[in-house]
């Protein structure tokens, strides 16, 4: 008598439980990261880009809310390294750590931004 048929549902249950725990921990990490990103955004970015990156102070200042995560990471990193030129942004990005850049990019990318009709 083989025990393989009885083990399959148990293996599936364990795999499902691990997947569920992983998803929940990722959601918790994203929420925690959003809080860190929001705090940093409120301290460093809101003066020019507005609350949640949604109300820039001038037409020349970009709206950050809803921008793509990878674009924001790349732009902030370029400002920090000095390969993208803007005196204000270079000064703001220079002291940022890699983690702070990722937290800010994650926070702004998850905000409701402008939508366009197609």
PDB file of N, CA and C in Angstrom:
ATOM      1  N   UNK A   1       0.843  -1.173   0.000  1.00  0.00           N
ATOM      2  CA  UNK A   1       0.000   0.000   0.000  1.00  0.00           C
ATOM      3  C   UNK A   1       0.889   1.236   0.000  1.00  0.00           C
ATOM      4  N   UNK A   2       0.643   2.139  -0.929  1.00  0.00           N
ATOM      5  CA  UNK A   2       1.458   3.354  -1.075  1.00  0.00           C
ATOM      6  C   UNK A   2       0.848   4.502  -0.278  1.00  0.00           C
ATOM      7  N   UNK A   3       1.729   5.328   0.308  1.00  0.00           N
ATOM      8  CA  UNK A   3       1.249   6.479   1.080  1.00  0.00           C
ATOM      9  C   UNK A   3       1.312   7.768   0.264  1.00  0.00           C
ATOM     10  N   UNK A   4       1.760   7.700  -0.986  1.00  0.00           N
ATOM     11  CA  UNK A   4       1.899   8.888  -1.822  1.00  0.00           C
ATOM     12  C   UNK A   4       0.587   9.644  -2.009  1.00  0.00           C
ATOM     13  N   UNK A   5      -0.536   8.988  -2.278  1.00  0.00           N
ATOM     14  CA  UNK A   5      -1.786   9.732  -2.463  1.00  0.00           C
ATOM     15  C   UNK A   5      -2.183  10.517  -1.202  1.00  0.00           C
ATOM     16  N   UNK A   6      -1.884  10.023  -0.024  1.00  0.00           N
ATOM     17  CA  UNK A   6      -2.240  10.730   1.206  1.00  0.00           C
ATOM     18  C   UNK A   6      -1.310  11.910   1.452  1.00  0.00           C
ATOM     19  N   UNK A   7      -0.080  11.833   0.993  1.00  0.00           N
ATOM     20  CA  UNK A   7       0.888  12.906   1.221  1.00  0.00           C
ATOM     21  C   UNK A   7       0.654  14.115   0.321  1.00  0.00           C
ATOM     22  N   UNK A   8       0.115  13.901  -0.863  1.00  0.00           N
ATOM     23  CA  UNK A   8      -0.068  14.986  -1.810  1.00  0.00           C
ATOM     24  C   UNK A   8      -0.908  16.125  -1.233  1.00  0.00           C
ATOM     25  N   UNK A   9      -2.070  15.873  -0.627  1.00  0.00           N
ATOM     26  CA  UNK A   9      -2.819  16.992  -0.049  1.00  0.00           C
ATOM     27  C   UNK A   9      -2.045  17.700   1.071  1.00  0.00           C
ATOM     28  N   UNK A  10      -1.263  16.959   1.843  1.00  0.00           N
ATOM     29  CA  UNK A  10      -0.475  17.562   2.905  1.00  0.00           C
ATOM     30  C   UNK A  10       0.607  18.465   2.312  1.00  0.00           C
ATOM     31  N   UNK A  11       1.276  17.997   1.262  1.00  0.00           N
ATOM     32  CA  UNK A  11       2.301  18.801   0.598  1.00  0.00           C
ATOM     33  C   UNK A  11       1.667  20.062   0.008  1.00  0.00           C
ATOM     34  N   UNK A  12       0.524  19.932  -0.624  1.00  0.00           N
ATOM     35  CA  UNK A  12      -0.164  21.089  -1.190  1.00  0.00           C
ATOM     36  C   UNK A  12      -0.540  22.087  -0.094  1.00  0.00           C
ATOM     37  N   UNK A  13      -1.000  21.600   1.044  1.00  0.00           N
ATOM     38  CA  UNK A  13      -1.369  22.477   2.154  1.00  0.00           C
ATOM     39  C   UNK A  13      -0.154  23.221   2.693  1.00  0.00           C
ATOM     40  N   UNK A  14       0.979  22.532   2.800  1.00  0.00           N
ATOM     41  CA  UNK A  14       2.200  23.176   3.280  1.00  0.00           C
ATOM     42  C   UNK A  14       2.671  24.239   2.286  1.00  0.00           C
ATOM     43  N   UNK A  15       2.659  23.917   1.007  1.00  0.00           N
ATOM     44  CA  UNK A  15       3.069  24.877  -0.028  1.00  0.00           C
ATOM     45  C   UNK A  15       2.148  26.099   0.002  1.00  0.00           C
ATOM     46  N   UNK A  16       0.854  25.873   0.143  1.00  0.00           N
ATOM     47  CA  UNK A  16      -0.103  26.981   0.211  1.00  0.00           C
ATOM     48  C   UNK A  16       0.159  27.839   1.454  1.00  0.00           C
ATOM     49  N   UNK A  17       0.417  27.215   2.584  1.00  0.00           N
ATOM     50  CA  UNK A  17       0.678  27.955   3.820  1.00  0.00           C
ATOM     51  C   UNK A  17       1.945  28.803   3.698  1.00  0.00           C
ATOM     52  N   UNK A  18       2.984  28.244   3.108  1.00  0.00           N
ATOM     53  CA  UNK A  18       4.231  28.993   2.915  1.00  0.00           C
ATOM     54  C   UNK A  18       3.988  30.171   1.972  1.00  0.00           C
ATOM     55  N   UNK A  19       3.259  29.945   0.892  1.00  0.00           N
ATOM     56  CA  UNK A  19       2.974  31.014  -0.059  1.00  0.00           C
ATOM     57  C   UNK A  19       2.147  32.120   0.597  1.00  0.00           C
ATOM     58  N   UNK A  20       1.182  31.745   1.406  1.00  0.00           N
ATOM     59  CA  UNK A  20       0.339  32.718   2.101  1.00  0.00           C
ATOM     60  C   UNK A  20       1.162  33.544   3.082  1.00  0.00           C
ATOM     61  N   UNK A  21       2.015  32.890   3.847  1.00  0.00           N
ATOM     62  CA  UNK A  21       2.878  33.604   4.801  1.00  0.00           C
ATOM     63  C   UNK A  21       3.828  34.552   4.076  1.00  0.00           C
ATOM     64  N   UNK A  22       4.362  34.131   2.953  1.00  0.00           N
ATOM     65  CA  UNK A  22       5.253  34.980   2.170  1.00  0.00           C
ATOM     66  C   UNK A  22       4.506  36.209   1.664  1.00  0.00           C
ATOM     67  N   UNK A  23       3.306  36.012   1.143  1.00  0.00           N
ATOM     68  CA  UNK A  23       2.511  37.136   0.643  1.00  0.00           C
ATOM     69  C   UNK A  23       2.174  38.106   1.758  1.00  0.00           C
ATOM     70  N   UNK A  24       1.801  37.591   2.907  1.00  0.00           N
ATOM     71  CA  UNK A  24       1.464  38.457   4.041  1.00  0.00           C
ATOM     72  C   UNK A  24       2.681  39.224   4.536  1.00  0.00           C
ATOM     73  N   UNK A  25       3.830  38.587   4.578  1.00  0.00           N
ATOM     74  CA  UNK A  25       5.026  39.291   5.042  1.00  0.00           C
ATOM     75  C   UNK A  25       5.438  40.355   4.028  1.00  0.00           C
ATOM     76  N   UNK A  26       5.241  40.111   2.739  1.00  0.00           N
ATOM     77  CA  UNK A  26       5.549  41.123   1.727  1.00  0.00           C
ATOM     78  C   UNK A  26       4.603  42.319   1.859  1.00  0.00           C
ATOM     79  N   UNK A  27       3.333  42.055   2.116  1.00  0.00           N
ATOM     80  CA  UNK A  27       2.371  43.136   2.295  1.00  0.00           C
ATOM     81  C   UNK A  27       2.714  43.957   3.530  1.00  0.00           C
ATOM     82  N   UNK A  28       3.124  43.292   4.591  1.00  0.00           N
ATOM     83  CA  UNK A  28       3.511  43.991   5.811  1.00  0.00           C
ATOM     84  C   UNK A  28       4.770  44.818   5.565  1.00  0.00           C
ATOM     85  N   UNK A  29       5.723  44.268   4.847  1.00  0.00           N
ATOM     86  CA  UNK A  29       6.959  44.988   4.531  1.00  0.00           C
ATOM     87  C   UNK A  29       6.660  46.198   3.657  1.00  0.00           C
ATOM     88  N   UNK A  30       5.757  46.064   2.688  1.00  0.00           N
ATOM     89  CA  UNK A  30       5.405  47.191   1.825  1.00  0.00           C
ATOM     90  C   UNK A  30       4.730  48.292   2.633  1.00  0.00           C
ATOM     91  N   UNK A  31       3.851  47.915   3.561  1.00  0.00           N
ATOM     92  CA  UNK A  31       3.187  48.913   4.399  1.00  0.00           C
ATOM     93  C   UNK A  31       4.200  49.632   5.281  1.00  0.00           C
ATOM     94  N   UNK A  32       5.130  48.893   5.854  1.00  0.00           N
ATOM     95  CA  UNK A  32       6.170  49.501   6.690  1.00  0.00           C
ATOM     96  C   UNK A  32       7.057  50.410   5.845  1.00  0.00           C
ATOM     97  N   UNK A  33       7.409  49.959   4.648  1.00  0.00           N
ATOM     98  CA  UNK A  33       8.230  50.755   3.748  1.00  0.00           C
ATOM     99  C   UNK A  33       7.492  52.021   3.329  1.00  0.00           C
ATOM    100  N   UNK A  34       6.175  51.917   3.112  1.00  0.00           N
ATOM    101  CA  UNK A  34       5.377  53.092   2.760  1.00  0.00           C
ATOM    102  C   UNK A  34       5.411  54.130   3.873  1.00  0.00           C
ATOM    103  N   UNK A  35       5.362  53.688   5.116  1.00  0.00           N
ATOM    104  CA  UNK A  35       5.428  54.627   6.239  1.00  0.00           C
ATOM    105  C   UNK A  35       6.770  55.335   6.270  1.00  0.00           C
ATOM    106  N   UNK A  36       7.840  54.588   6.054  1.00  0.00           N
ATOM    107  CA  UNK A  36       9.187  55.179   6.021  1.00  0.00           C
ATOM    108  C   UNK A  36       9.293  56.133   4.837  1.00  0.00           C
ATOM    109  N   UNK A  37       8.813  55.700   3.677  1.00  0.00           N
ATOM    110  CA  UNK A  37       8.843  56.539   2.486  1.00  0.00           C
ATOM    111  C   UNK A  37       8.008  57.798   2.652  1.00  0.00           C
ATOM    112  N   UNK A  38       6.824  57.665   3.261  1.00  0.00           N
ATOM    113  CA  UNK A  38       5.953  58.821   3.499  1.00  0.00           C
ATOM    114  C   UNK A  38       6.620  59.816   4.430  1.00  0.00           C
ATOM    115  N   UNK A  39       7.237  59.321   5.486  1.00  0.00           N
ATOM    116  CA  UNK A  39       7.905  60.208   6.446  1.00  0.00           C
ATOM    117  C   UNK A  39       9.018  60.987   5.743  1.00  0.00           C
ATOM    118  N   UNK A  40       9.832  60.309   4.965  1.00  0.00           N
ATOM    119  CA  UNK A  40      10.923  60.959   4.243  1.00  0.00           C
ATOM    120  C   UNK A  40      10.370  61.928   3.198  1.00  0.00           C
ATOM    121  N   UNK A  41       9.308  61.547   2.508  1.00  0.00           N
ATOM    122  CA  UNK A  41       8.694  62.408   1.503  1.00  0.00           C
ATOM    123  C   UNK A  41       8.133  63.677   2.145  1.00  0.00           C
ATOM    124  N   UNK A  42       7.490  63.523   3.299  1.00  0.00           N
ATOM    125  CA  UNK A  42       6.957  64.687   4.000  1.00  0.00           C
ATOM    126  C   UNK A  42       8.073  65.627   4.445  1.00  0.00           C
ATOM    127  N   UNK A  43       9.194  65.060   4.869  1.00  0.00           N
ATOM    128  CA  UNK A  43      10.326  65.861   5.344  1.00  0.00           C
ATOM    129  C   UNK A  43      11.079  66.538   4.199  1.00  0.00           C
ATOM    130  N   UNK A  44      11.331  65.815   3.127  1.00  0.00           N
ATOM    131  CA  UNK A  44      12.262  66.292   2.106  1.00  0.00           C
ATOM    132  C   UNK A  44      11.619  66.705   0.781  1.00  0.00           C
ATOM    133  N   UNK A  45      10.461  66.171   0.450  1.00  0.00           N
ATOM    134  CA  UNK A  45       9.945  66.352  -0.909  1.00  0.00           C
ATOM    135  C   UNK A  45       8.691  67.229  -0.994  1.00  0.00           C
ATOM    136  N   UNK A  46       7.885  67.220   0.064  1.00  0.00           N
ATOM    137  CA  UNK A  46       6.582  67.884   0.015  1.00  0.00           C
ATOM    138  C   UNK A  46       6.673  69.384  -0.221  1.00  0.00           C
ATOM    139  N   UNK A  47       7.743  70.020   0.234  1.00  0.00           N
ATOM    140  CA  UNK A  47       7.858  71.472   0.064  1.00  0.00           C
ATOM    141  C   UNK A  47       7.785  71.878  -1.404  1.00  0.00           C
ATOM    142  N   UNK A  48       8.339  71.084  -2.291  1.00  0.00           N
ATOM    143  CA  UNK A  48       8.316  71.406  -3.728  1.00  0.00           C
ATOM    144  C   UNK A  48       7.302  70.582  -4.516  1.00  0.00           C
ATOM    145  N   UNK A  49       7.170  69.295  -4.163  1.00  0.00           N
ATOM    146  CA  UNK A  49       6.321  68.392  -4.948  1.00  0.00           C
ATOM    147  C   UNK A  49       4.917  68.250  -4.369  1.00  0.00           C
ATOM    148  N   UNK A  50       4.681  68.832  -3.198  1.00  0.00           N
ATOM    149  CA  UNK A  50       3.365  68.811  -2.569  1.00  0.00           C
ATOM    150  C   UNK A  50       3.100  67.529  -1.812  1.00  0.00           C
ATOM    151  N   UNK A  51       1.997  67.519  -1.050  1.00  0.00           N
ATOM    152  CA  UNK A  51       1.626  66.325  -0.294  1.00  0.00           C
ATOM    153  C   UNK A  51       1.461  65.130  -1.229  1.00  0.00           C
ATOM    154  N   UNK A  52       2.043  64.014  -0.838  1.00  0.00           N
ATOM    155  CA  UNK A  52       1.979  62.766  -1.612  1.00  0.00           C
ATOM    156  C   UNK A  52       2.542  62.918  -3.019  1.00  0.00           C
ATOM    157  N   UNK A  53       3.302  64.001  -3.259  1.00  0.00           N
ATOM    158  CA  UNK A  53       3.889  64.219  -4.583  1.00  0.00           C
ATOM    159  C   UNK A  53       2.880  64.618  -5.626  1.00  0.00           C
ATOM    160  N   UNK A  54       1.737  65.160  -5.176  1.00  0.00           N
ATOM    161  CA  UNK A  54       0.626  65.400  -6.079  1.00  0.00           C
ATOM    162  C   UNK A  54       0.308  66.865  -6.348  1.00  0.00           C
ATOM    163  N   UNK A  55       0.988  67.803  -5.703  1.00  0.00           N
ATOM    164  CA  UNK A  55       0.693  69.219  -5.913  1.00  0.00           C
ATOM    165  C   UNK A  55       1.992  70.020  -5.994  1.00  0.00           C
ATOM    166  N   UNK A  56       2.680  69.937  -7.142  1.00  0.00           N
ATOM    167  CA  UNK A  56       3.926  70.675  -7.301  1.00  0.00           C
ATOM    168  C   UNK A  56       3.702  72.188  -7.144  1.00  0.00           C
ATOM    169  N   UNK A  57       4.740  72.890  -6.667  1.00  0.00           N
ATOM    170  CA  UNK A  57       4.610  74.324  -6.421  1.00  0.00           C
ATOM    171  C   UNK A  57       4.680  75.154  -7.694  1.00  0.00           C
ATOM    172  N   UNK A  58       5.189  74.567  -8.773  1.00  0.00           N
ATOM    173  CA  UNK A  58       5.268  75.296 -10.044  1.00  0.00           C
ATOM    174  C   UNK A  58       5.103  74.310 -11.194  1.00  0.00           C
ATOM    175  N   UNK A  59       4.791  74.830 -12.385  1.00  0.00           N
ATOM    176  CA  UNK A  59       4.653  73.937 -13.541  1.00  0.00           C
ATOM    177  C   UNK A  59       5.949  73.202 -13.900  1.00  0.00           C
ATOM    178  N   UNK A  60       7.091  73.768 -13.512  1.00  0.00           N
ATOM    179  CA  UNK A  60       8.379  73.133 -13.813  1.00  0.00           C
ATOM    180  C   UNK A  60       8.714  71.981 -12.864  1.00  0.00           C
ATOM    181  N   UNK A  61       8.033  71.947 -11.722  1.00  0.00           N
ATOM    182  CA  UNK A  61       8.278  70.897 -10.732  1.00  0.00           C
ATOM    183  C   UNK A  61       7.401  69.700 -11.066  1.00  0.00           C
ATOM    184  N   UNK A  62       8.003  68.528 -11.252  1.00  0.00           N
ATOM    185  CA  UNK A  62       7.201  67.364 -11.666  1.00  0.00           C
ATOM    186  C   UNK A  62       6.319  66.801 -10.559  1.00  0.00           C
ATOM    187  N   UNK A  63       5.238  66.204 -10.991  1.00  0.00           N
ATOM    188  CA  UNK A  63       4.350  65.453 -10.099  1.00  0.00           C
ATOM    189  C   UNK A  63       4.981  64.075  -9.933  1.00  0.00           C
ATOM    190  N   UNK A  64       5.212  63.665  -8.695  1.00  0.00           N
ATOM    191  CA  UNK A  64       5.858  62.375  -8.430  1.00  0.00           C
ATOM    192  C   UNK A  64       4.852  61.244  -8.219  1.00  0.00           C
ATOM    193  N   UNK A  65       3.652  61.577  -7.770  1.00  0.00           N
ATOM    194  CA  UNK A  65       2.639  60.560  -7.492  1.00  0.00           C
ATOM    195  C   UNK A  65       2.319  59.769  -8.750  1.00  0.00           C
ATOM    196  N   UNK A  66       2.383  58.455  -8.611  1.00  0.00           N
ATOM    197  CA  UNK A  66       2.040  57.572  -9.725  1.00  0.00           C
ATOM    198  C   UNK A  66       3.159  57.330 -10.722  1.00  0.00           C
ATOM    199  N   UNK A  67       4.316  57.942 -10.518  1.00  0.00           N
ATOM    200  CA  UNK A  67       5.447  57.685 -11.412  1.00  0.00           C
ATOM    201  C   UNK A  67       5.921  56.240 -11.227  1.00  0.00           C
ATOM    202  N   UNK A  68       6.562  55.704 -12.222  1.00  0.00           N
ATOM    203  CA  UNK A  68       7.050  54.327 -12.148  1.00  0.00           C
ATOM    204  C   UNK A  68       8.217  54.226 -11.167  1.00  0.00           C
ATOM    205  N   UNK A  69       8.189  53.162 -10.386  1.00  0.00           N
ATOM    206  CA  UNK A  69       9.204  52.906  -9.366  1.00  0.00           C
ATOM    207  C   UNK A  69      10.618  52.958  -9.937  1.00  0.00           C
ATOM    208  N   UNK A  70      10.866  52.212 -11.000  1.00  0.00           N
ATOM    209  CA  UNK A  70      12.218  52.143 -11.579  1.00  0.00           C
ATOM    210  C   UNK A  70      12.697  53.506 -12.071  1.00  0.00           C
ATOM    211  N   UNK A  71      11.793  54.278 -12.643  1.00  0.00           N
ATOM    212  CA  UNK A  71      12.159  55.612 -13.113  1.00  0.00           C
ATOM    213  C   UNK A  71      12.585  56.489 -11.936  1.00  0.00           C
ATOM    214  N   UNK A  72      11.820  56.459 -10.847  1.00  0.00           N
ATOM    215  CA  UNK A  72      12.143  57.279  -9.683  1.00  0.00           C
ATOM    216  C   UNK A  72      13.473  56.866  -9.060  1.00  0.00           C
ATOM    217  N   UNK A  73      13.725  55.562  -8.968  1.00  0.00           N
ATOM    218  CA  UNK A  73      15.011  55.088  -8.440  1.00  0.00           C
ATOM    219  C   UNK A  73      16.146  55.588  -9.329  1.00  0.00           C
ATOM    220  N   UNK A  74      15.987  55.432 -10.623  1.00  0.00           N
ATOM    221  CA  UNK A  74      17.028  55.851 -11.563  1.00  0.00           C
ATOM    222  C   UNK A  74      17.263  57.358 -11.488  1.00  0.00           C
ATOM    223  N   UNK A  75      16.198  58.154 -11.442  1.00  0.00           N
ATOM    224  CA  UNK A  75      16.339  59.608 -11.406  1.00  0.00           C
ATOM    225  C   UNK A  75      17.010  60.069 -10.112  1.00  0.00           C
ATOM    226  N   UNK A  76      16.545  59.555  -8.974  1.00  0.00           N
ATOM    227  CA  UNK A  76      17.143  59.956  -7.694  1.00  0.00           C
ATOM    228  C   UNK A  76      18.605  59.534  -7.596  1.00  0.00           C
ATOM    229  N   UNK A  77      18.907  58.360  -8.106  1.00  0.00           N
ATOM    230  CA  UNK A  77      20.294  57.882  -8.094  1.00  0.00           C
ATOM    231  C   UNK A  77      21.166  58.774  -8.981  1.00  0.00           C
ATOM    232  N   UNK A  78      20.653  59.159 -10.129  1.00  0.00           N
ATOM    233  CA  UNK A  78      21.412  60.037 -11.029  1.00  0.00           C
ATOM    234  C   UNK A  78      21.636  61.412 -10.398  1.00  0.00           C
ATOM    235  N   UNK A  79      20.628  61.948  -9.724  1.00  0.00           N
ATOM    236  CA  UNK A  79      20.808  63.223  -9.018  1.00  0.00           C
ATOM    237  C   UNK A  79      21.861  63.079  -7.920  1.00  0.00           C
ATOM    238  N   UNK A  80      21.789  61.969  -7.189  1.00  0.00           N
ATOM    239  CA  UNK A  80      22.735  61.748  -6.099  1.00  0.00           C
ATOM    240  C   UNK A  80      24.172  61.653  -6.614  1.00  0.00           C
ATOM    241  N   UNK A  81      24.353  60.983  -7.728  1.00  0.00           N
ATOM    242  CA  UNK A  81      25.695  60.812  -8.306  1.00  0.00           C
ATOM    243  C   UNK A  81      26.166  62.051  -9.062  1.00  0.00           C
ATOM    244  N   UNK A  82      25.244  62.963  -9.365  1.00  0.00           N
ATOM    245  CA  UNK A  82      25.608  64.156 -10.120  1.00  0.00           C
ATOM    246  C   UNK A  82      25.579  63.959 -11.620  1.00  0.00           C
ATOM    247  N   UNK A  83      25.059  62.822 -12.104  1.00  0.00           N
ATOM    248  CA  UNK A  83      24.988  62.579 -13.540  1.00  0.00           C
ATOM    249  C   UNK A  83      23.719  63.165 -14.151  1.00  0.00           C
ATOM    250  N   UNK A  84      22.802  63.588 -13.321  1.00  0.00           N
ATOM    251  CA  UNK A  84      21.610  64.320 -13.760  1.00  0.00           C
ATOM    252  C   UNK A  84      21.694  65.672 -13.069  1.00  0.00           C
ATOM    253  N   UNK A  85      21.531  66.752 -13.846  1.00  0.00           N
ATOM    254  CA  UNK A  85      21.842  68.082 -13.335  1.00  0.00           C
ATOM    255  C   UNK A  85      20.607  68.884 -12.947  1.00  0.00           C
ATOM    256  N   UNK A  86      20.498  69.161 -11.664  1.00  0.00           N
ATOM    257  CA  UNK A  86      19.539  70.104 -11.117  1.00  0.00           C
ATOM    258  C   UNK A  86      20.060  70.421  -9.723  1.00  0.00           C
ATOM    259  N   UNK A  87      20.409  71.679  -9.493  1.00  0.00           N
ATOM    260  CA  UNK A  87      21.069  72.047  -8.234  1.00  0.00           C
ATOM    261  C   UNK A  87      20.245  71.671  -7.008  1.00  0.00           C
ATOM    262  N   UNK A  88      18.948  71.928  -7.060  1.00  0.00           N
ATOM    263  CA  UNK A  88      18.096  71.624  -5.904  1.00  0.00           C
ATOM    264  C   UNK A  88      17.999  70.123  -5.694  1.00  0.00           C
ATOM    265  N   UNK A  89      17.717  69.382  -6.760  1.00  0.00           N
ATOM    266  CA  UNK A  89      17.552  67.937  -6.613  1.00  0.00           C
ATOM    267  C   UNK A  89      18.863  67.248  -6.261  1.00  0.00           C
ATOM    268  N   UNK A  90      19.974  67.732  -6.793  1.00  0.00           N
ATOM    269  CA  UNK A  90      21.263  67.144  -6.437  1.00  0.00           C
ATOM    270  C   UNK A  90      21.517  67.320  -4.952  1.00  0.00           C
ATOM    271  N   UNK A  91      21.229  68.504  -4.435  1.00  0.00           N
ATOM    272  CA  UNK A  91      21.412  68.760  -3.000  1.00  0.00           C
ATOM    273  C   UNK A  91      20.475  67.896  -2.160  1.00  0.00           C
ATOM    274  N   UNK A  92      19.262  67.681  -2.628  1.00  0.00           N
ATOM    275  CA  UNK A  92      18.294  66.871  -1.874  1.00  0.00           C
ATOM    276  C   UNK A  92      18.650  65.381  -1.936  1.00  0.00           C
ATOM    277  N   UNK A  93      19.130  64.921  -3.079  1.00  0.00           N
ATOM    278  CA  UNK A  93      19.389  63.492  -3.269  1.00  0.00           C
ATOM    279  C   UNK A  93      20.754  63.052  -2.743  1.00  0.00           C
ATOM    280  N   UNK A  94      21.698  63.968  -2.670  1.00  0.00           N
ATOM    281  CA  UNK A  94      23.069  63.624  -2.266  1.00  0.00           C
ATOM    282  C   UNK A  94      23.126  62.822  -0.961  1.00  0.00           C
ATOM    283  N   UNK A  95      22.412  63.228   0.101  1.00  0.00           N
ATOM    284  CA  UNK A  95      22.518  62.487   1.363  1.00  0.00           C
ATOM    285  C   UNK A  95      21.661  61.215   1.447  1.00  0.00           C
ATOM    286  N   UNK A  96      20.843  60.939   0.427  1.00  0.00           N
ATOM    287  CA  UNK A  96      19.952  59.775   0.485  1.00  0.00           C
ATOM    288  C   UNK A  96      20.733  58.467   0.368  1.00  0.00           C
ATOM    289  N   UNK A  97      20.324  57.486   1.146  1.00  0.00           N
ATOM    290  CA  UNK A  97      20.894  56.141   1.037  1.00  0.00           C
ATOM    291  C   UNK A  97      20.134  55.383  -0.057  1.00  0.00           C
ATOM    292  N   UNK A  98      20.688  54.250  -0.469  1.00  0.00           N
ATOM    293  CA  UNK A  98      19.987  53.396  -1.445  1.00  0.00           C
ATOM    294  C   UNK A  98      18.609  53.012  -0.919  1.00  0.00           C
ATOM    295  N   UNK A  99      18.531  52.662   0.351  1.00  0.00           N
ATOM    296  CA  UNK A  99      17.249  52.259   0.955  1.00  0.00           C
ATOM    297  C   UNK A  99      16.256  53.415   0.949  1.00  0.00           C
ATOM    298  N   UNK A 100      16.717  54.608   1.289  1.00  0.00           N
ATOM    299  CA  UNK A 100      15.818  55.764   1.282  1.00  0.00           C
ATOM    300  C   UNK A 100      15.314  56.049  -0.127  1.00  0.00           C
ATOM    301  N   UNK A 101      16.172  55.900  -1.111  1.00  0.00           N
ATOM    302  CA  UNK A 101      15.741  56.082  -2.499  1.00  0.00           C
ATOM    303  C   UNK A 101      14.673  55.058  -2.856  1.00  0.00           C
ATOM    304  N   UNK A 102      14.896  53.800  -2.496  1.00  0.00           N
ATOM    305  CA  UNK A 102      13.894  52.753  -2.787  1.00  0.00           C
ATOM    306  C   UNK A 102      12.590  53.017  -2.035  1.00  0.00           C
ATOM    307  N   UNK A 103      12.692  53.450  -0.772  1.00  0.00           N
ATOM    308  CA  UNK A 103      11.482  53.753   0.014  1.00  0.00           C
ATOM    309  C   UNK A 103      10.697  54.906  -0.606  1.00  0.00           C
ATOM    310  N   UNK A 104      11.396  55.961  -1.001  1.00  0.00           N
ATOM    311  CA  UNK A 104      10.723  57.097  -1.640  1.00  0.00           C
ATOM    312  C   UNK A 104      10.090  56.688  -2.963  1.00  0.00           C
ATOM    313  N   UNK A 105      10.826  55.958  -3.778  1.00  0.00           N
ATOM    314  CA  UNK A 105      10.301  55.513  -5.074  1.00  0.00           C
ATOM    315  C   UNK A 105       9.080  54.618  -4.888  1.00  0.00           C
ATOM    316  N   UNK A 106       9.148  53.715  -3.923  1.00  0.00           N
ATOM    317  CA  UNK A 106       8.005  52.847  -3.646  1.00  0.00           C
ATOM    318  C   UNK A 106       6.799  53.636  -3.187  1.00  0.00           C
ATOM    319  N   UNK A 107       7.019  54.579  -2.290  1.00  0.00           N
ATOM    320  CA  UNK A 107       5.923  55.395  -1.770  1.00  0.00           C
ATOM    321  C   UNK A 107       5.262  56.196  -2.895  1.00  0.00           C
ATOM    322  N   UNK A 108       6.060  56.951  -3.640  1.00  0.00           N
ATOM    323  CA  UNK A 108       5.481  57.787  -4.695  1.00  0.00           C
ATOM    324  C   UNK A 108       4.842  56.956  -5.801  1.00  0.00           C
ATOM    325  N   UNK A 109       5.425  55.815  -6.133  1.00  0.00           N
ATOM    326  CA  UNK A 109       4.865  54.991  -7.219  1.00  0.00           C
ATOM    327  C   UNK A 109       3.507  54.399  -6.844  1.00  0.00           C
ATOM    328  N   UNK A 110       3.220  54.282  -5.558  1.00  0.00           N
ATOM    329  CA  UNK A 110       1.933  53.734  -5.124  1.00  0.00           C
ATOM    330  C   UNK A 110       0.875  54.805  -4.849  1.00  0.00           C
ATOM    331  N   UNK A 111       1.227  56.064  -5.015  1.00  0.00           N
ATOM    332  CA  UNK A 111       0.248  57.134  -4.824  1.00  0.00           C
ATOM    333  C   UNK A 111      -0.596  57.292  -6.075  1.00  0.00           C
ATOM    334  N   UNK A 112      -1.813  57.774  -5.864  1.00  0.00           N
ATOM    335  CA  UNK A 112      -2.708  58.039  -6.985  1.00  0.00           C
ATOM    336  C   UNK A 112      -2.191  59.268  -7.737  1.00  0.00           C
ATOM    337  N   UNK A 113      -1.861  59.105  -8.993  1.00  0.00           N
ATOM    338  CA  UNK A 113      -1.333  60.204  -9.782  1.00  0.00           C
ATOM    339  C   UNK A 113      -2.336  60.618 -10.846  1.00  0.00           C
ATOM    340  N   UNK A 114      -1.859  61.379 -11.784  1.00  0.00           N
ATOM    341  CA  UNK A 114      -2.704  61.789 -12.893  1.00  0.00           C
ATOM    342  C   UNK A 114      -3.061  60.603 -13.757  1.00  0.00           C
ATOM    343  N   UNK A 115      -4.228  60.600 -14.286  1.00  0.00           N
ATOM    344  CA  UNK A 115      -4.611  59.580 -15.248  1.00  0.00           C
ATOM    345  C   UNK A 115      -5.021  60.278 -16.527  1.00  0.00           C
ATOM    346  N   UNK A 116      -4.778  59.660 -17.632  1.00  0.00           N
ATOM    347  CA  UNK A 116      -5.170  60.230 -18.913  1.00  0.00           C
ATOM    348  C   UNK A 116      -6.159  59.307 -19.591  1.00  0.00           C
ATOM    349  N   UNK A 117      -7.092  59.907 -20.301  1.00  0.00           N
ATOM    350  CA  UNK A 117      -8.068  59.125 -21.058  1.00  0.00           C
ATOM    351  C   UNK A 117      -7.452  58.750 -22.372  1.00  0.00           C
ATOM    352  N   UNK A 118      -7.699  57.524 -22.786  1.00  0.00           N
ATOM    353  CA  UNK A 118      -7.169  57.040 -24.069  1.00  0.00           C
ATOM    354  C   UNK A 118      -8.283  56.726 -24.993  1.00  0.00           C
TER     355      UNK A 118
END
